[in-house]
PDB file of N, CA and C in Angstrom:
ATOM      1  N   MET A   1       3.090   0.672  -0.374  1.00  0.00           N
ATOM      2  CA  MET A   1       2.580   1.348  -1.659  1.00  0.00           C
ATOM      3  C   MET A   1       1.110   0.816  -1.861  1.00  0.00           C
ATOM      4  N   THR A   2       0.357   1.691  -2.452  1.00  0.00           N
ATOM      5  CA  THR A   2      -1.078   1.459  -2.702  1.00  0.00           C
ATOM      6  C   THR A   2      -1.506   1.016  -4.286  1.00  0.00           C
ATOM      7  N   PRO A   3      -2.415   0.258  -4.308  1.00  0.00           N
ATOM      8  CA  PRO A   3      -2.732  -0.095  -5.828  1.00  0.00           C
ATOM      9  C   PRO A   3      -2.854   0.892  -6.735  1.00  0.00           C
ATOM     10  N   ASP A   4      -3.076   2.103  -6.372  1.00  0.00           N
ATOM     11  CA  ASP A   4      -3.126   3.443  -7.101  1.00  0.00           C
ATOM     12  C   ASP A   4      -1.440   3.757  -7.700  1.00  0.00           C
ATOM     13  N   GLN A   5      -0.917   3.659  -6.666  1.00  0.00           N
ATOM     14  CA  GLN A   5       0.522   3.983  -6.899  1.00  0.00           C
ATOM     15  C   GLN A   5       1.067   2.845  -7.722  1.00  0.00           C
ATOM     16  N   CYS A   6       0.869   1.611  -7.498  1.00  0.00           N
ATOM     17  CA  CYS A   6       1.284   0.700  -8.541  1.00  0.00           C
ATOM     18  C   CYS A   6       0.802   0.796  -9.810  1.00  0.00           C
ATOM     19  N   ARG A   7      -0.457   1.231 -10.074  1.00  0.00           N
ATOM     20  CA  ARG A   7      -0.987   1.383 -11.553  1.00  0.00           C
ATOM     21  C   ARG A   7      -0.271   2.884 -12.099  1.00  0.00           C
ATOM     22  N   ALA A   8      -0.113   3.918 -11.084  1.00  0.00           N
ATOM     23  CA  ALA A   8       0.428   5.092 -11.956  1.00  0.00           C
ATOM     24  C   ALA A   8       1.816   5.086 -12.261  1.00  0.00           C
ATOM     25  N   GLY A   9       2.613   4.610 -11.368  1.00  0.00           N
ATOM     26  CA  GLY A   9       4.057   4.144 -11.606  1.00  0.00           C
ATOM     27  C   GLY A   9       4.353   3.285 -12.783  1.00  0.00           C
ATOM     28  N   ARG A  10       3.572   2.110 -13.101  1.00  0.00           N
ATOM     29  CA  ARG A  10       3.380   1.182 -14.078  1.00  0.00           C
ATOM     30  C   ARG A  10       3.288   2.219 -15.391  1.00  0.00           C
ATOM     31  N   ALA A  11       2.260   3.230 -15.351  1.00  0.00           N
ATOM     32  CA  ALA A  11       1.644   3.785 -16.443  1.00  0.00           C
ATOM     33  C   ALA A  11       2.917   4.982 -16.611  1.00  0.00           C
ATOM     34  N   LEU A  12       3.383   5.662 -15.914  1.00  0.00           N
ATOM     35  CA  LEU A  12       4.928   6.456 -15.823  1.00  0.00           C
ATOM     36  C   LEU A  12       5.875   5.775 -16.876  1.00  0.00           C
ATOM     37  N   ILE A  13       6.031   4.395 -16.820  1.00  0.00           N
ATOM     38  CA  ILE A  13       7.374   3.782 -17.564  1.00  0.00           C
ATOM     39  C   ILE A  13       6.670   2.924 -18.688  1.00  0.00           C
ATOM     40  N   LYS A  14       5.514   3.308 -18.804  1.00  0.00           N
ATOM     41  CA  LYS A  14       4.714   2.393 -19.814  1.00  0.00           C
ATOM     42  C   LYS A  14       5.069   1.035 -20.072  1.00  0.00           C
ATOM     43  N   TRP A  15       4.681   0.520 -18.628  1.00  0.00           N
ATOM     44  CA  TRP A  15       5.108  -1.224 -18.729  1.00  0.00           C
ATOM     45  C   TRP A  15       3.462  -1.635 -18.492  1.00  0.00           C
ATOM     46  N   THR A  16       3.207  -2.970 -19.238  1.00  0.00           N
ATOM     47  CA  THR A  16       2.143  -3.554 -18.925  1.00  0.00           C
ATOM     48  C   THR A  16       2.153  -4.328 -17.591  1.00  0.00           C
ATOM     49  N   GLN A  17       0.894  -4.742 -17.322  1.00  0.00           N
ATOM     50  CA  GLN A  17       1.059  -5.429 -15.985  1.00  0.00           C
ATOM     51  C   GLN A  17       2.062  -6.783 -16.286  1.00  0.00           C
ATOM     52  N   GLN A  18       2.071  -7.463 -17.347  1.00  0.00           N
ATOM     53  CA  GLN A  18       2.854  -8.594 -17.509  1.00  0.00           C
ATOM     54  C   GLN A  18       4.291  -8.458 -17.429  1.00  0.00           C
ATOM     55  N   GLN A  19       4.887  -7.211 -17.992  1.00  0.00           N
ATOM     56  CA  GLN A  19       6.344  -6.561 -17.762  1.00  0.00           C
ATOM     57  C   GLN A  19       6.385  -6.341 -16.139  1.00  0.00           C
ATOM     58  N   LEU A  20       5.530  -5.715 -15.473  1.00  0.00           N
ATOM     59  CA  LEU A  20       5.612  -5.715 -14.090  1.00  0.00           C
ATOM     60  C   LEU A  20       5.855  -6.854 -13.370  1.00  0.00           C
ATOM     61  N   ALA A  21       4.632  -7.752 -13.703  1.00  0.00           N
ATOM     62  CA  ALA A  21       4.745  -8.981 -13.018  1.00  0.00           C
ATOM     63  C   ALA A  21       6.069  -9.926 -13.281  1.00  0.00           C
ATOM     64  N   ASP A  22       6.724  -9.861 -14.408  1.00  0.00           N
ATOM     65  CA  ASP A  22       7.913 -10.445 -14.865  1.00  0.00           C
ATOM     66  C   ASP A  22       8.799  -9.908 -14.128  1.00  0.00           C
ATOM     67  N   ALA A  23       9.131  -8.527 -13.901  1.00  0.00           N
ATOM     68  CA  ALA A  23      10.086  -7.803 -13.333  1.00  0.00           C
ATOM     69  C   ALA A  23      10.316  -7.965 -11.838  1.00  0.00           C
ATOM     70  N   ALA A  24       9.051  -8.217 -11.208  1.00  0.00           N
ATOM     71  CA  ALA A  24       9.089  -8.392  -9.763  1.00  0.00           C
ATOM     72  C   ALA A  24       9.115 -10.014  -9.513  1.00  0.00           C
ATOM     73  N   GLY A  25       8.786 -10.815 -10.857  1.00  0.00           N
ATOM     74  CA  GLY A  25       9.015 -12.242 -10.407  1.00  0.00           C
ATOM     75  C   GLY A  25       7.624 -13.010  -9.496  1.00  0.00           C
ATOM     76  N   ILE A  26       6.583 -12.069 -10.201  1.00  0.00           N
ATOM     77  CA  ILE A  26       5.135 -12.669  -9.305  1.00  0.00           C
ATOM     78  C   ILE A  26       4.350 -12.969 -10.421  1.00  0.00           C
ATOM     79  N   GLY A  27       3.328 -13.488 -10.135  1.00  0.00           N
ATOM     80  CA  GLY A  27       2.179 -14.101 -11.449  1.00  0.00           C
ATOM     81  C   GLY A  27       1.279 -12.577 -11.738  1.00  0.00           C
ATOM     82  N   ILE A  28       1.083 -12.565 -13.001  1.00  0.00           N
ATOM     83  CA  ILE A  28       0.118 -11.746 -13.374  1.00  0.00           C
ATOM     84  C   ILE A  28      -1.172 -11.478 -12.520  1.00  0.00           C
ATOM     85  N   ALA A  29      -1.683 -12.790 -12.436  1.00  0.00           N
ATOM     86  CA  ALA A  29      -2.987 -12.683 -11.740  1.00  0.00           C
ATOM     87  C   ALA A  29      -2.867 -12.073 -10.199  1.00  0.00           C
ATOM     88  N   THR A  30      -1.527 -12.319  -9.673  1.00  0.00           N
ATOM     89  CA  THR A  30      -1.530 -11.736  -8.308  1.00  0.00           C
ATOM     90  C   THR A  30      -1.183 -10.147  -8.441  1.00  0.00           C
ATOM     91  N   LEU A  31      -0.929  -9.570  -9.436  1.00  0.00           N
ATOM     92  CA  LEU A  31      -0.510  -7.990  -9.773  1.00  0.00           C
ATOM     93  C   LEU A  31      -2.199  -7.554  -9.981  1.00  0.00           C
ATOM     94  N   THR A  32      -2.773  -8.486 -10.809  1.00  0.00           N
ATOM     95  CA  THR A  32      -4.124  -7.849 -11.265  1.00  0.00           C
ATOM     96  C   THR A  32      -5.109  -7.792  -9.741  1.00  0.00           C
ATOM     97  N   LEU A  33      -5.032  -8.711  -9.361  1.00  0.00           N
ATOM     98  CA  LEU A  33      -5.879  -8.833  -7.966  1.00  0.00           C
ATOM     99  C   LEU A  33      -5.414  -7.650  -7.259  1.00  0.00           C
ATOM    100  N   PHE A  34      -4.306  -7.288  -7.090  1.00  0.00           N
ATOM    101  CA  PHE A  34      -3.581  -5.995  -6.142  1.00  0.00           C
ATOM    102  C   PHE A  34      -4.143  -4.718  -6.694  1.00  0.00           C
ATOM    103  N   GLU A  35      -3.745  -4.529  -8.008  1.00  0.00           N
ATOM    104  CA  GLU A  35      -3.952  -3.373  -8.603  1.00  0.00           C
ATOM    105  C   GLU A  35      -5.616  -3.067  -8.644  1.00  0.00           C
ATOM    106  N   SER A  36      -6.370  -3.699  -8.727  1.00  0.00           N
ATOM    107  CA  SER A  36      -7.954  -3.747  -8.554  1.00  0.00           C
ATOM    108  C   SER A  36      -8.324  -3.738  -7.385  1.00  0.00           C
ATOM    109  N   GLY A  37      -7.665  -3.752  -6.288  1.00  0.00           N
ATOM    110  CA  GLY A  37      -7.874  -3.571  -4.827  1.00  0.00           C
ATOM    111  C   GLY A  37      -8.594  -4.861  -4.300  1.00  0.00           C
ATOM    112  N   SER A  38      -8.771  -5.895  -4.794  1.00  0.00           N
ATOM    113  CA  SER A  38      -9.567  -7.085  -4.619  1.00  0.00           C
ATOM    114  C   SER A  38      -8.877  -7.899  -3.583  1.00  0.00           C
ATOM    115  N   THR A  39      -7.554  -7.634  -3.401  1.00  0.00           N
ATOM    116  CA  THR A  39      -6.793  -8.494  -2.220  1.00  0.00           C
ATOM    117  C   THR A  39      -5.816  -7.543  -1.659  1.00  0.00           C
ATOM    118  N   ASP A  40      -5.409  -7.831  -0.530  1.00  0.00           N
ATOM    119  CA  ASP A  40      -4.182  -7.459   0.110  1.00  0.00           C
ATOM    120  C   ASP A  40      -3.027  -8.467   0.028  1.00  0.00           C
ATOM    121  N   PRO A  41      -2.043  -8.228  -0.893  1.00  0.00           N
ATOM    122  CA  PRO A  41      -0.905  -9.332  -0.982  1.00  0.00           C
ATOM    123  C   PRO A  41      -0.050  -9.392   0.200  1.00  0.00           C
ATOM    124  N   ARG A  42       0.746 -10.281   0.389  1.00  0.00           N
ATOM    125  CA  ARG A  42       1.533 -10.373   1.447  1.00  0.00           C
ATOM    126  C   ARG A  42       2.569  -9.455   1.359  1.00  0.00           C
ATOM    127  N   PRO A  43       3.275  -8.757   2.401  1.00  0.00           N
ATOM    128  CA  PRO A  43       4.341  -7.841   2.504  1.00  0.00           C
ATOM    129  C   PRO A  43       5.461  -8.063   1.574  1.00  0.00           C
ATOM    130  N   ALA A  44       5.690  -9.202   1.550  1.00  0.00           N
ATOM    131  CA  ALA A  44       6.982  -9.869   0.355  1.00  0.00           C
ATOM    132  C   ALA A  44       6.566  -9.334  -0.844  1.00  0.00           C
ATOM    133  N   THR A  45       5.214  -9.372  -1.452  1.00  0.00           N
ATOM    134  CA  THR A  45       4.761  -9.406  -2.424  1.00  0.00           C
ATOM    135  C   THR A  45       4.830  -7.853  -2.978  1.00  0.00           C
ATOM    136  N   ILE A  46       4.462  -7.211  -1.914  1.00  0.00           N
ATOM    137  CA  ILE A  46       4.302  -5.548  -1.878  1.00  0.00           C
ATOM    138  C   ILE A  46       6.000  -5.117  -2.182  1.00  0.00           C
ATOM    139  N   GLN A  47       6.866  -5.683  -1.299  1.00  0.00           N
ATOM    140  CA  GLN A  47       8.266  -5.437  -1.382  1.00  0.00           C
ATOM    141  C   GLN A  47       8.702  -5.643  -2.818  1.00  0.00           C
ATOM    142  N   VAL A  48       8.601  -6.957  -3.650  1.00  0.00           N
ATOM    143  CA  VAL A  48       9.174  -7.038  -4.721  1.00  0.00           C
ATOM    144  C   VAL A  48       8.400  -5.982  -6.017  1.00  0.00           C
ATOM    145  N   LEU A  49       7.277  -5.541  -6.027  1.00  0.00           N
ATOM    146  CA  LEU A  49       6.606  -4.819  -6.686  1.00  0.00           C
ATOM    147  C   LEU A  49       7.126  -3.473  -6.498  1.00  0.00           C
ATOM    148  N   GLN A  50       7.737  -3.121  -5.247  1.00  0.00           N
ATOM    149  CA  GLN A  50       8.166  -1.661  -5.049  1.00  0.00           C
ATOM    150  C   GLN A  50       9.568  -1.853  -5.581  1.00  0.00           C
ATOM    151  N   ARG A  51      10.292  -2.725  -5.347  1.00  0.00           N
ATOM    152  CA  ARG A  51      11.699  -2.753  -5.893  1.00  0.00           C
ATOM    153  C   ARG A  51      11.805  -2.608  -7.467  1.00  0.00           C
ATOM    154  N   ALA A  52      10.702  -3.263  -7.969  1.00  0.00           N
ATOM    155  CA  ALA A  52      10.793  -3.499  -9.501  1.00  0.00           C
ATOM    156  C   ALA A  52      10.565  -2.035  -9.998  1.00  0.00           C
ATOM    157  N   LEU A  53       9.640  -1.324  -9.580  1.00  0.00           N
ATOM    158  CA  LEU A  53       9.198  -0.381  -9.893  1.00  0.00           C
ATOM    159  C   LEU A  53      10.271   0.815  -9.705  1.00  0.00           C
ATOM    160  N   VAL A  54      10.898   0.770  -8.524  1.00  0.00           N
ATOM    161  CA  VAL A  54      12.073   1.760  -7.884  1.00  0.00           C
ATOM    162  C   VAL A  54      13.195   1.548  -9.033  1.00  0.00           C
ATOM    163  N   ASP A  55      13.264   0.117  -9.420  1.00  0.00           N
ATOM    164  CA  ASP A  55      14.406  -0.023 -10.156  1.00  0.00           C
ATOM    165  C   ASP A  55      14.394   0.743 -11.436  1.00  0.00           C
ATOM    166  N   ALA A  56      13.004   0.641 -12.023  1.00  0.00           N
ATOM    167  CA  ALA A  56      12.841   0.983 -13.256  1.00  0.00           C
ATOM    168  C   ALA A  56      12.828   2.788 -13.250  1.00  0.00           C
ATOM    169  N   GLY A  57      12.923   3.454 -12.163  1.00  0.00           N
ATOM    170  CA  GLY A  57      12.909   4.852 -12.002  1.00  0.00           C
ATOM    171  C   GLY A  57      11.630   5.702 -11.507  1.00  0.00           C
ATOM    172  N   ILE A  58      10.971   4.742 -10.801  1.00  0.00           N
ATOM    173  CA  ILE A  58       9.791   5.277  -9.903  1.00  0.00           C
ATOM    174  C   ILE A  58      10.236   5.988  -8.642  1.00  0.00           C
ATOM    175  N   VAL A  59       9.705   7.036  -8.147  1.00  0.00           N
ATOM    176  CA  VAL A  59       9.729   7.254  -6.895  1.00  0.00           C
ATOM    177  C   VAL A  59       8.495   7.288  -6.287  1.00  0.00           C
ATOM    178  N   LEU A  60       8.316   6.606  -5.154  1.00  0.00           N
ATOM    179  CA  LEU A  60       7.053   6.655  -4.348  1.00  0.00           C
ATOM    180  C   LEU A  60       6.814   7.711  -3.471  1.00  0.00           C
ATOM    181  N   LEU A  61       5.947   8.394  -3.237  1.00  0.00           N
ATOM    182  CA  LEU A  61       5.814   9.762  -2.398  1.00  0.00           C
ATOM    183  C   LEU A  61       4.755   9.113  -1.607  1.00  0.00           C
ATOM    184  N   GLY A  62       5.042   9.358   0.033  1.00  0.00           N
ATOM    185  CA  GLY A  62       4.278   9.086   1.053  1.00  0.00           C
ATOM    186  C   GLY A  62       2.989  10.241   0.914  1.00  0.00           C
ATOM    187  N   ASP A  63       2.172  10.239   1.944  1.00  0.00           N
ATOM    188  CA  ASP A  63       0.863  11.214   2.361  1.00  0.00           C
ATOM    189  C   ASP A  63       1.492  12.482   2.592  1.00  0.00           C
ATOM    190  N   GLY A  64       2.649  12.925   3.266  1.00  0.00           N
ATOM    191  CA  GLY A  64       3.016  14.201   3.197  1.00  0.00           C
ATOM    192  C   GLY A  64       3.926  14.505   2.198  1.00  0.00           C
ATOM    193  N   GLU A  65       4.169  14.090   1.073  1.00  0.00           N
ATOM    194  CA  GLU A  65       5.062  14.345   0.187  1.00  0.00           C
ATOM    195  C   GLU A  65       4.628  15.069  -1.102  1.00  0.00           C
ATOM    196  N   MET A  66       3.230  15.222  -1.106  1.00  0.00           N
ATOM    197  CA  MET A  66       2.765  15.690  -2.183  1.00  0.00           C
ATOM    198  C   MET A  66       2.151  17.271  -1.972  1.00  0.00           C
ATOM    199  N   ILE A  67       1.992  17.966  -2.647  1.00  0.00           N
ATOM    200  CA  ILE A  67       1.516  19.580  -2.469  1.00  0.00           C
ATOM    201  C   ILE A  67       0.106  19.323  -2.106  1.00  0.00           C
ATOM    202  N   GLN A  68      -0.681  18.450  -2.690  1.00  0.00           N
ATOM    203  CA  GLN A  68      -2.341  18.123  -2.251  1.00  0.00           C
ATOM    204  C   GLN A  68      -2.469  17.216  -1.204  1.00  0.00           C
ATOM    205  N   GLY A  69      -1.511  16.576  -0.839  1.00  0.00           N
ATOM    206  CA  GLY A  69      -1.402  15.428   0.242  1.00  0.00           C
ATOM    207  C   GLY A  69      -1.882  14.090  -0.710  1.00  0.00           C
ATOM    208  N   GLY A  70      -1.920  13.047   0.049  1.00  0.00           N
ATOM    209  CA  GLY A  70      -2.126  11.826  -0.440  1.00  0.00           C
ATOM    210  C   GLY A  70      -0.747  11.140  -0.770  1.00  0.00           C
ATOM    211  N   ALA A  71      -0.760   9.971  -1.110  1.00  0.00           N
ATOM    212  CA  ALA A  71       0.441   9.377  -1.863  1.00  0.00           C
ATOM    213  C   ALA A  71       0.446   9.418  -3.213  1.00  0.00           C
ATOM    214  N   GLY A  72       1.610   9.452  -3.984  1.00  0.00           N
ATOM    215  CA  GLY A  72       1.755   9.596  -5.034  1.00  0.00           C
ATOM    216  C   GLY A  72       2.929   8.715  -5.841  1.00  0.00           C
ATOM    217  N   VAL A  73       3.419   9.201  -7.208  1.00  0.00           N
ATOM    218  CA  VAL A  73       4.640   8.710  -7.626  1.00  0.00           C
ATOM    219  C   VAL A  73       4.963   9.605  -8.734  1.00  0.00           C
ATOM    220  N   ARG A  74       6.200   9.657  -8.832  1.00  0.00           N
ATOM    221  CA  ARG A  74       7.116  10.565  -9.833  1.00  0.00           C
ATOM    222  C   ARG A  74       8.062   9.603 -10.325  1.00  0.00           C
ATOM    223  N   LEU A  75       8.665  10.168 -11.532  1.00  0.00           N
ATOM    224  CA  LEU A  75       9.741   9.778 -11.974  1.00  0.00           C
ATOM    225  C   LEU A  75      11.013  10.267 -11.548  1.00  0.00           C
ATOM    226  N   ARG A  76      11.997   9.481 -11.215  1.00  0.00           N
ATOM    227  CA  ARG A  76      13.346   9.784 -10.769  1.00  0.00           C
ATOM    228  C   ARG A  76      14.049  10.805 -11.594  1.00  0.00           C
ATOM    229  N   LYS A  77      14.402  11.787 -10.783  1.00  0.00           N
ATOM    230  CA  LYS A  77      15.441  12.762 -11.888  1.00  0.00           C
ATOM    231  C   LYS A  77      16.392  11.901 -12.505  1.00  0.00           C
ATOM    232  N   ALA A  78      16.911  12.461 -13.646  1.00  0.00           N
ATOM    233  CA  ALA A  78      18.012  11.768 -14.539  1.00  0.00           C
ATOM    234  C   ALA A  78      19.501  12.204 -14.000  1.00  0.00           C
TER     235      ALA A  78
END
């Protein structure tokens, strides 16, 4: 998951940084630094962020899964 995917996923479900940090069980400073691209968090941190977003209904798309290429996000179908 990229910082852009994290921000976009959070926006789709209308969560604040604090809500995502709480759902993932991490500090808001860690999330803020990741989303700004200032740091590369540990793989375990990325995993808990991904799990929180996926559990909330976000689908993470890889480079080859978008029409225009590049990674992205979408909401899970109901």
